[in-house]
Amino acid sequence: MDNSKTTSKIIGSLVIGALAGATLGVLFAPSKGSKTRSKIAGRAENLSKDLKKKIKNEANDYKKSFSNETKSLKKNSAKLEKMVEEKMETFPST
């Protein structure tokens, strides 16, 4: 849970920072409008790539975590099954 909250905060901060940067860039741009738009588009593209990379990394982390938990659950269920079988063998048959 904490990991998803942290990720959400990071993504939110990135979006807010990008918007603030774009706004300030337009307001204080010494270049022509076409150059400024090109710079903003480039920055937005870089932000998009970074965001996609972070999302992909988070998804991979969740997949690994899920896989590890699944393996652990299978291992523990096999142990439990063996314990139940051993207990069943100790009961007298009727």
N, C-alpha and C. Protein backbone atom coordinates (compact mmCIF):
# COMPACT_ATOMS: atom_id res chain seq x y z
N MET A 1 0.81 -1.20 0.00
CA MET A 1 0.00 0.00 0.00
C MET A 1 0.85 1.26 0.00
N ASP A 2 1.85 1.30 0.85
CA ASP A 2 2.69 2.48 0.93
C ASP A 2 3.39 2.74 -0.39
N ASN A 3 3.75 1.66 -1.07
CA ASN A 3 4.44 1.78 -2.34
C ASN A 3 3.55 2.47 -3.38
N SER A 4 2.25 2.12 -3.43
CA SER A 4 1.35 2.73 -4.39
C SER A 4 1.07 4.19 -4.02
N LYS A 5 1.04 4.50 -2.73
CA LYS A 5 0.85 5.89 -2.30
C LYS A 5 2.05 6.74 -2.71
N THR A 6 3.23 6.17 -2.51
CA THR A 6 4.46 6.88 -2.89
C THR A 6 4.50 7.11 -4.39
N THR A 7 4.13 6.08 -5.14
CA THR A 7 4.10 6.19 -6.60
C THR A 7 3.12 7.27 -7.03
N SER A 8 1.96 7.30 -6.43
CA SER A 8 0.95 8.31 -6.76
C SER A 8 1.46 9.71 -6.47
N LYS A 9 2.16 9.86 -5.35
CA LYS A 9 2.70 11.17 -5.00
C LYS A 9 3.76 11.59 -6.01
N ILE A 10 4.60 10.65 -6.42
CA ILE A 10 5.65 10.95 -7.40
C ILE A 10 5.03 11.37 -8.73
N ILE A 11 4.06 10.60 -9.19
CA ILE A 11 3.40 10.91 -10.46
C ILE A 11 2.71 12.27 -10.38
N GLY A 12 2.01 12.52 -9.29
CA GLY A 12 1.34 13.81 -9.11
C GLY A 12 2.33 14.96 -9.11
N SER A 13 3.45 14.77 -8.43
CA SER A 13 4.48 15.81 -8.39
C SER A 13 5.07 16.07 -9.77
N LEU A 14 5.28 14.99 -10.52
CA LEU A 14 5.80 15.15 -11.88
C LEU A 14 4.84 15.95 -12.77
N VAL A 15 3.58 15.63 -12.68
CA VAL A 15 2.58 16.32 -13.50
C VAL A 15 2.50 17.80 -13.11
N ILE A 16 2.45 18.08 -11.83
CA ILE A 16 2.39 19.47 -11.37
C ILE A 16 3.64 20.23 -11.78
N GLY A 17 4.80 19.59 -11.61
CA GLY A 17 6.05 20.23 -12.01
C GLY A 17 6.11 20.50 -13.50
N ALA A 18 5.62 19.56 -14.28
CA ALA A 18 5.62 19.75 -15.74
C ALA A 18 4.71 20.92 -16.14
N LEU A 19 3.54 20.97 -15.53
CA LEU A 19 2.61 22.07 -15.85
C LEU A 19 3.19 23.42 -15.43
N ALA A 20 3.78 23.47 -14.25
CA ALA A 20 4.37 24.73 -13.78
C ALA A 20 5.53 25.13 -14.68
N GLY A 21 6.36 24.16 -15.05
CA GLY A 21 7.49 24.45 -15.93
C GLY A 21 7.05 24.94 -17.29
N ALA A 22 6.04 24.31 -17.84
CA ALA A 22 5.54 24.72 -19.15
C ALA A 22 4.97 26.13 -19.09
N THR A 23 4.22 26.41 -18.05
CA THR A 23 3.61 27.73 -17.89
C THR A 23 4.69 28.81 -17.76
N LEU A 24 5.65 28.58 -16.90
CA LEU A 24 6.73 29.56 -16.73
C LEU A 24 7.57 29.69 -18.00
N GLY A 25 7.75 28.58 -18.68
CA GLY A 25 8.50 28.62 -19.93
C GLY A 25 7.83 29.50 -20.97
N VAL A 26 6.53 29.42 -21.07
CA VAL A 26 5.79 30.25 -22.03
C VAL A 26 5.84 31.72 -21.61
N LEU A 27 5.67 31.97 -20.33
CA LEU A 27 5.63 33.35 -19.85
C LEU A 27 6.96 34.07 -20.01
N PHE A 28 8.04 33.37 -19.77
CA PHE A 28 9.35 34.01 -19.80
C PHE A 28 10.21 33.62 -21.00
N ALA A 29 9.59 33.11 -22.01
CA ALA A 29 10.34 32.62 -23.17
C ALA A 29 10.93 33.78 -23.97
N PRO A 30 12.24 33.76 -24.20
CA PRO A 30 12.84 34.80 -25.03
C PRO A 30 12.77 34.44 -26.52
N SER A 31 12.32 33.25 -26.83
CA SER A 31 12.29 32.77 -28.22
C SER A 31 10.95 33.04 -28.88
N LYS A 32 10.92 32.78 -30.17
CA LYS A 32 9.67 32.88 -30.92
C LYS A 32 8.70 31.82 -30.42
N GLY A 33 7.45 32.02 -30.70
CA GLY A 33 6.41 31.06 -30.29
C GLY A 33 6.64 29.66 -30.81
N SER A 34 7.08 29.55 -32.07
CA SER A 34 7.28 28.23 -32.65
C SER A 34 8.42 27.49 -31.94
N LYS A 35 9.48 28.21 -31.59
CA LYS A 35 10.59 27.59 -30.86
C LYS A 35 10.15 27.19 -29.46
N THR A 36 9.39 28.05 -28.83
CA THR A 36 8.91 27.76 -27.48
C THR A 36 8.01 26.53 -27.49
N ARG A 37 7.10 26.47 -28.46
CA ARG A 37 6.22 25.31 -28.56
C ARG A 37 7.02 24.04 -28.80
N SER A 38 8.04 24.14 -29.60
CA SER A 38 8.90 22.99 -29.88
C SER A 38 9.61 22.52 -28.60
N LYS A 39 10.11 23.47 -27.82
CA LYS A 39 10.77 23.13 -26.55
C LYS A 39 9.79 22.46 -25.59
N ILE A 40 8.60 23.03 -25.51
CA ILE A 40 7.58 22.48 -24.61
C ILE A 40 7.21 21.07 -25.06
N ALA A 41 7.06 20.88 -26.36
CA ALA A 41 6.73 19.55 -26.87
C ALA A 41 7.84 18.56 -26.54
N GLY A 42 9.08 18.99 -26.68
CA GLY A 42 10.20 18.11 -26.34
C GLY A 42 10.22 17.74 -24.88
N ARG A 43 9.97 18.72 -24.03
CA ARG A 43 9.94 18.46 -22.59
C ARG A 43 8.78 17.54 -22.23
N ALA A 44 7.63 17.76 -22.86
CA ALA A 44 6.47 16.91 -22.60
C ALA A 44 6.75 15.49 -23.05
N GLU A 45 7.43 15.33 -24.16
CA GLU A 45 7.78 14.00 -24.65
C GLU A 45 8.74 13.31 -23.67
N ASN A 46 9.72 14.05 -23.18
CA ASN A 46 10.65 13.48 -22.20
C ASN A 46 9.92 13.08 -20.92
N LEU A 47 9.02 13.94 -20.48
CA LEU A 47 8.24 13.64 -19.28
C LEU A 47 7.40 12.38 -19.50
N SER A 48 6.80 12.30 -20.66
CA SER A 48 5.98 11.13 -21.00
C SER A 48 6.82 9.85 -20.97
N LYS A 49 8.01 9.90 -21.55
CA LYS A 49 8.90 8.73 -21.55
C LYS A 49 9.29 8.34 -20.13
N ASP A 50 9.65 9.33 -19.33
CA ASP A 50 10.02 9.06 -17.94
C ASP A 50 8.86 8.44 -17.17
N LEU A 51 7.67 8.99 -17.38
CA LEU A 51 6.49 8.50 -16.69
C LEU A 51 6.19 7.06 -17.11
N LYS A 52 6.29 6.77 -18.40
CA LYS A 52 6.06 5.41 -18.88
C LYS A 52 7.07 4.44 -18.28
N LYS A 53 8.32 4.88 -18.18
CA LYS A 53 9.37 4.03 -17.61
C LYS A 53 9.06 3.74 -16.14
N LYS A 54 8.65 4.76 -15.40
CA LYS A 54 8.35 4.57 -13.98
C LYS A 54 7.16 3.64 -13.80
N ILE A 55 6.14 3.81 -14.62
CA ILE A 55 4.96 2.95 -14.53
C ILE A 55 5.33 1.51 -14.88
N LYS A 56 6.16 1.34 -15.90
CA LYS A 56 6.59 0.00 -16.29
C LYS A 56 7.40 -0.64 -15.16
N ASN A 57 8.29 0.12 -14.54
CA ASN A 57 9.08 -0.41 -13.42
C ASN A 57 8.18 -0.81 -12.25
N GLU A 58 7.20 0.02 -11.94
CA GLU A 58 6.27 -0.30 -10.85
C GLU A 58 5.49 -1.57 -11.17
N ALA A 59 5.04 -1.69 -12.42
CA ALA A 59 4.29 -2.89 -12.82
C ALA A 59 5.17 -4.13 -12.68
N ASN A 60 6.43 -4.02 -13.08
CA ASN A 60 7.34 -5.16 -12.94
C ASN A 60 7.57 -5.51 -11.48
N ASP A 61 7.69 -4.49 -10.64
CA ASP A 61 7.86 -4.74 -9.20
C ASP A 61 6.65 -5.47 -8.62
N TYR A 62 5.45 -5.06 -9.03
CA TYR A 62 4.24 -5.72 -8.55
C TYR A 62 4.17 -7.16 -9.05
N LYS A 63 4.58 -7.38 -10.31
CA LYS A 63 4.58 -8.74 -10.85
C LYS A 63 5.52 -9.64 -10.07
N LYS A 64 6.72 -9.12 -9.78
CA LYS A 64 7.70 -9.90 -9.01
C LYS A 64 7.15 -10.21 -7.62
N SER A 65 6.59 -9.20 -6.99
CA SER A 65 6.04 -9.37 -5.64
C SER A 65 4.91 -10.39 -5.66
N PHE A 66 4.03 -10.30 -6.63
CA PHE A 66 2.91 -11.23 -6.75
C PHE A 66 3.43 -12.65 -6.98
N SER A 67 4.44 -12.77 -7.83
CA SER A 67 5.02 -14.08 -8.11
C SER A 67 5.63 -14.69 -6.85
N ASN A 68 6.36 -13.88 -6.11
CA ASN A 68 6.98 -14.36 -4.86
C ASN A 68 5.92 -14.78 -3.84
N GLU A 69 4.87 -13.99 -3.74
CA GLU A 69 3.80 -14.32 -2.79
C GLU A 69 3.09 -15.59 -3.22
N THR A 70 2.90 -15.77 -4.51
CA THR A 70 2.25 -16.98 -5.03
C THR A 70 3.09 -18.21 -4.71
N LYS A 71 4.40 -18.11 -4.93
CA LYS A 71 5.29 -19.23 -4.62
C LYS A 71 5.24 -19.57 -3.14
N SER A 72 5.26 -18.55 -2.31
CA SER A 72 5.22 -18.76 -0.86
C SER A 72 3.90 -19.43 -0.45
N LEU A 73 2.81 -18.97 -1.03
CA LEU A 73 1.50 -19.54 -0.72
C LEU A 73 1.44 -21.01 -1.14
N LYS A 74 1.96 -21.34 -2.31
CA LYS A 74 1.97 -22.74 -2.77
C LYS A 74 2.81 -23.61 -1.84
N LYS A 75 3.96 -23.08 -1.45
CA LYS A 75 4.85 -23.82 -0.55
C LYS A 75 4.17 -24.08 0.78
N ASN A 76 3.54 -23.06 1.34
CA ASN A 76 2.87 -23.20 2.63
C ASN A 76 1.66 -24.11 2.54
N SER A 77 0.94 -24.06 1.43
CA SER A 77 -0.24 -24.94 1.30
C SER A 77 0.20 -26.40 1.16
N ALA A 78 1.34 -26.64 0.51
CA ALA A 78 1.86 -28.01 0.41
C ALA A 78 2.26 -28.52 1.79
N LYS A 79 2.89 -27.66 2.60
CA LYS A 79 3.25 -28.05 3.97
C LYS A 79 2.00 -28.37 4.78
N LEU A 80 0.99 -27.53 4.66
CA LEU A 80 -0.25 -27.73 5.40
C LEU A 80 -0.92 -29.03 4.97
N GLU A 81 -0.94 -29.28 3.69
CA GLU A 81 -1.54 -30.51 3.18
C GLU A 81 -0.82 -31.74 3.75
N LYS A 82 0.49 -31.69 3.79
CA LYS A 82 1.28 -32.80 4.34
C LYS A 82 0.98 -32.99 5.82
N MET A 83 0.88 -31.89 6.56
CA MET A 83 0.57 -31.98 7.98
C MET A 83 -0.80 -32.62 8.21
N VAL A 84 -1.79 -32.24 7.40
CA VAL A 84 -3.14 -32.79 7.53
C VAL A 84 -3.11 -34.29 7.22
N GLU A 85 -2.39 -34.66 6.17
CA GLU A 85 -2.29 -36.08 5.83
C GLU A 85 -1.66 -36.88 6.96
N GLU A 86 -0.60 -36.33 7.56
CA GLU A 86 0.06 -37.01 8.68
C GLU A 86 -0.89 -37.15 9.87
N LYS A 87 -1.66 -36.12 10.16
CA LYS A 87 -2.62 -36.18 11.26
C LYS A 87 -3.72 -37.21 10.96
N MET A 88 -4.15 -37.25 9.71
CA MET A 88 -5.21 -38.20 9.33
C MET A 88 -4.73 -39.65 9.52
N GLU A 89 -3.45 -39.89 9.29
CA GLU A 89 -2.91 -41.24 9.44
C GLU A 89 -2.91 -41.68 10.90
N THR A 90 -2.86 -40.74 11.83
CA THR A 90 -2.84 -41.11 13.25
C THR A 90 -4.23 -41.44 13.80
N PHE A 91 -5.29 -41.06 13.10
CA PHE A 91 -6.65 -41.38 13.56
C PHE A 91 -6.95 -42.84 13.26
N PRO A 92 -7.59 -43.48 14.21
CA PRO A 92 -7.96 -44.90 13.95
C PRO A 92 -9.06 -44.97 12.90
N SER A 93 -8.97 -45.97 12.06
CA SER A 93 -10.01 -46.13 11.03
C SER A 93 -11.19 -46.87 11.62
N THR A 94 -12.37 -46.56 11.16
CA THR A 94 -13.58 -47.17 11.71
C THR A 94 -14.12 -48.25 10.84
